[in-house]
């Protein structure tokens, strides 16, 4: 069972990185893309802060 968790985490991280790459390559700063109309949209912003 722990192997499935590791595989799931790796897949989620990979999906996250793919979406980030697509957003940077496709959207201008401040531009939005509607995934589900009125419910979910993706907007490109730059985070200049850091967690550490």
N, C-alpha and C. Protein backbone atom coordinates (compact mmCIF):
# COMPACT_ATOMS: atom_id res chain seq x y z
N UNK A 1 0.80 -1.21 0.00
CA UNK A 1 0.00 0.00 0.00
C UNK A 1 0.85 1.28 0.00
N UNK A 2 1.94 1.37 0.77
CA UNK A 2 2.75 2.58 0.75
C UNK A 2 3.31 2.90 -0.64
N UNK A 3 3.55 1.87 -1.45
CA UNK A 3 4.06 2.10 -2.80
C UNK A 3 3.03 2.87 -3.63
N UNK A 4 1.76 2.57 -3.45
CA UNK A 4 0.71 3.29 -4.16
C UNK A 4 0.66 4.76 -3.75
N UNK A 5 0.88 5.03 -2.47
CA UNK A 5 0.92 6.42 -2.00
C UNK A 5 2.07 7.17 -2.66
N UNK A 6 3.23 6.55 -2.73
CA UNK A 6 4.39 7.19 -3.34
C UNK A 6 4.13 7.46 -4.82
N UNK A 7 3.57 6.49 -5.52
CA UNK A 7 3.25 6.67 -6.94
C UNK A 7 2.23 7.79 -7.11
N UNK A 8 1.21 7.82 -6.26
CA UNK A 8 0.21 8.88 -6.32
C UNK A 8 0.81 10.26 -6.08
N UNK A 9 1.69 10.36 -5.11
CA UNK A 9 2.34 11.64 -4.82
C UNK A 9 3.20 12.09 -5.99
N UNK A 10 3.95 11.17 -6.57
CA UNK A 10 4.79 11.50 -7.73
C UNK A 10 3.93 11.97 -8.90
N UNK A 11 2.81 11.30 -9.15
CA UNK A 11 1.91 11.71 -10.23
C UNK A 11 1.31 13.10 -9.98
N UNK A 12 0.92 13.37 -8.74
CA UNK A 12 0.36 14.68 -8.42
C UNK A 12 1.40 15.80 -8.57
N UNK A 13 2.62 15.55 -8.15
CA UNK A 13 3.68 16.54 -8.31
C UNK A 13 3.96 16.77 -9.79
N UNK A 14 3.98 15.69 -10.58
CA UNK A 14 4.19 15.82 -12.02
C UNK A 14 3.08 16.62 -12.68
N UNK A 15 1.83 16.35 -12.31
CA UNK A 15 0.70 17.10 -12.85
C UNK A 15 0.79 18.58 -12.47
N UNK A 16 1.16 18.85 -11.23
CA UNK A 16 1.33 20.23 -10.77
C UNK A 16 2.37 20.96 -11.61
N UNK A 17 3.49 20.31 -11.87
CA UNK A 17 4.55 20.94 -12.66
C UNK A 17 4.12 21.16 -14.11
N UNK A 18 3.38 20.22 -14.67
CA UNK A 18 2.89 20.38 -16.04
C UNK A 18 1.93 21.56 -16.16
N UNK A 19 1.02 21.70 -15.20
CA UNK A 19 0.07 22.82 -15.22
C UNK A 19 0.82 24.14 -15.07
N UNK A 20 1.80 24.19 -14.17
CA UNK A 20 2.58 25.43 -13.99
C UNK A 20 3.31 25.79 -15.27
N UNK A 21 3.91 24.81 -15.93
CA UNK A 21 4.62 25.07 -17.18
C UNK A 21 3.65 25.59 -18.24
N UNK A 22 2.49 24.97 -18.35
CA UNK A 22 1.49 25.40 -19.33
C UNK A 22 1.05 26.83 -19.07
N UNK A 23 0.80 27.17 -17.80
CA UNK A 23 0.35 28.52 -17.45
C UNK A 23 1.41 29.55 -17.83
N UNK A 24 2.66 29.30 -17.49
CA UNK A 24 3.73 30.25 -17.80
C UNK A 24 3.91 30.39 -19.31
N UNK A 25 3.78 29.30 -20.05
CA UNK A 25 3.98 29.33 -21.49
C UNK A 25 2.79 29.92 -22.25
N UNK A 26 1.59 29.84 -21.67
CA UNK A 26 0.39 30.19 -22.43
C UNK A 26 -0.31 31.47 -22.00
N UNK A 27 -0.18 31.87 -20.75
CA UNK A 27 -0.93 33.00 -20.23
C UNK A 27 -0.02 34.18 -19.91
N UNK A 28 -0.50 35.39 -20.21
CA UNK A 28 0.22 36.60 -19.81
C UNK A 28 -0.11 36.90 -18.35
N UNK A 29 0.72 37.71 -17.71
CA UNK A 29 0.45 38.09 -16.32
C UNK A 29 -0.94 38.69 -16.18
N UNK A 30 -1.71 38.18 -15.22
CA UNK A 30 -3.05 38.67 -14.97
C UNK A 30 -4.12 38.04 -15.84
N UNK A 31 -3.73 37.28 -16.84
CA UNK A 31 -4.70 36.63 -17.73
C UNK A 31 -5.29 35.40 -17.06
N UNK A 32 -6.57 35.14 -17.31
CA UNK A 32 -7.26 34.00 -16.71
C UNK A 32 -7.72 33.03 -17.78
N UNK A 33 -7.91 31.79 -17.36
CA UNK A 33 -8.43 30.73 -18.21
C UNK A 33 -9.51 30.01 -17.42
N UNK A 34 -10.71 29.93 -17.96
CA UNK A 34 -11.81 29.26 -17.28
C UNK A 34 -11.75 27.76 -17.52
N UNK A 35 -11.64 27.00 -16.44
CA UNK A 35 -11.62 25.53 -16.53
C UNK A 35 -13.05 25.02 -16.49
N UNK A 36 -13.79 25.45 -15.48
CA UNK A 36 -15.21 25.14 -15.35
C UNK A 36 -15.91 26.48 -15.18
N UNK A 37 -16.70 26.86 -16.17
CA UNK A 37 -17.29 28.20 -16.22
C UNK A 37 -17.99 28.59 -14.92
N UNK A 38 -17.55 29.67 -14.32
CA UNK A 38 -18.16 30.19 -13.11
C UNK A 38 -17.76 29.48 -11.83
N UNK A 39 -16.98 28.41 -11.93
CA UNK A 39 -16.60 27.64 -10.75
C UNK A 39 -15.09 27.62 -10.54
N UNK A 40 -14.35 27.34 -11.60
CA UNK A 40 -12.90 27.19 -11.47
C UNK A 40 -12.19 27.87 -12.62
N UNK A 41 -11.26 28.75 -12.29
CA UNK A 41 -10.45 29.40 -13.31
C UNK A 41 -9.00 29.43 -12.85
N UNK A 42 -8.09 29.52 -13.80
CA UNK A 42 -6.66 29.60 -13.53
C UNK A 42 -6.21 30.99 -13.96
N UNK A 43 -5.56 31.72 -13.06
CA UNK A 43 -5.06 33.06 -13.34
C UNK A 43 -3.56 33.08 -13.10
N UNK A 44 -2.82 33.64 -14.05
CA UNK A 44 -1.36 33.71 -13.88
C UNK A 44 -1.00 34.93 -13.05
N UNK A 45 -0.31 34.69 -11.94
CA UNK A 45 0.26 35.74 -11.11
C UNK A 45 1.67 35.32 -10.75
N UNK A 46 2.49 36.28 -10.35
CA UNK A 46 3.83 35.96 -9.88
C UNK A 46 3.88 36.17 -8.37
N UNK A 47 4.35 35.18 -7.65
CA UNK A 47 4.52 35.27 -6.21
C UNK A 47 5.96 35.69 -5.95
N UNK A 48 6.15 36.91 -5.45
CA UNK A 48 7.51 37.39 -5.19
C UNK A 48 7.97 37.05 -3.79
N UNK A 49 7.10 36.47 -2.99
CA UNK A 49 7.46 36.10 -1.63
C UNK A 49 8.05 34.70 -1.57
N UNK A 50 8.49 34.34 -0.39
CA UNK A 50 9.06 33.00 -0.19
C UNK A 50 8.60 32.48 1.17
N UNK A 51 8.51 31.17 1.28
CA UNK A 51 8.08 30.56 2.53
C UNK A 51 9.21 30.45 3.53
N UNK A 52 10.45 30.53 3.07
CA UNK A 52 11.59 30.45 3.98
C UNK A 52 12.69 31.35 3.56
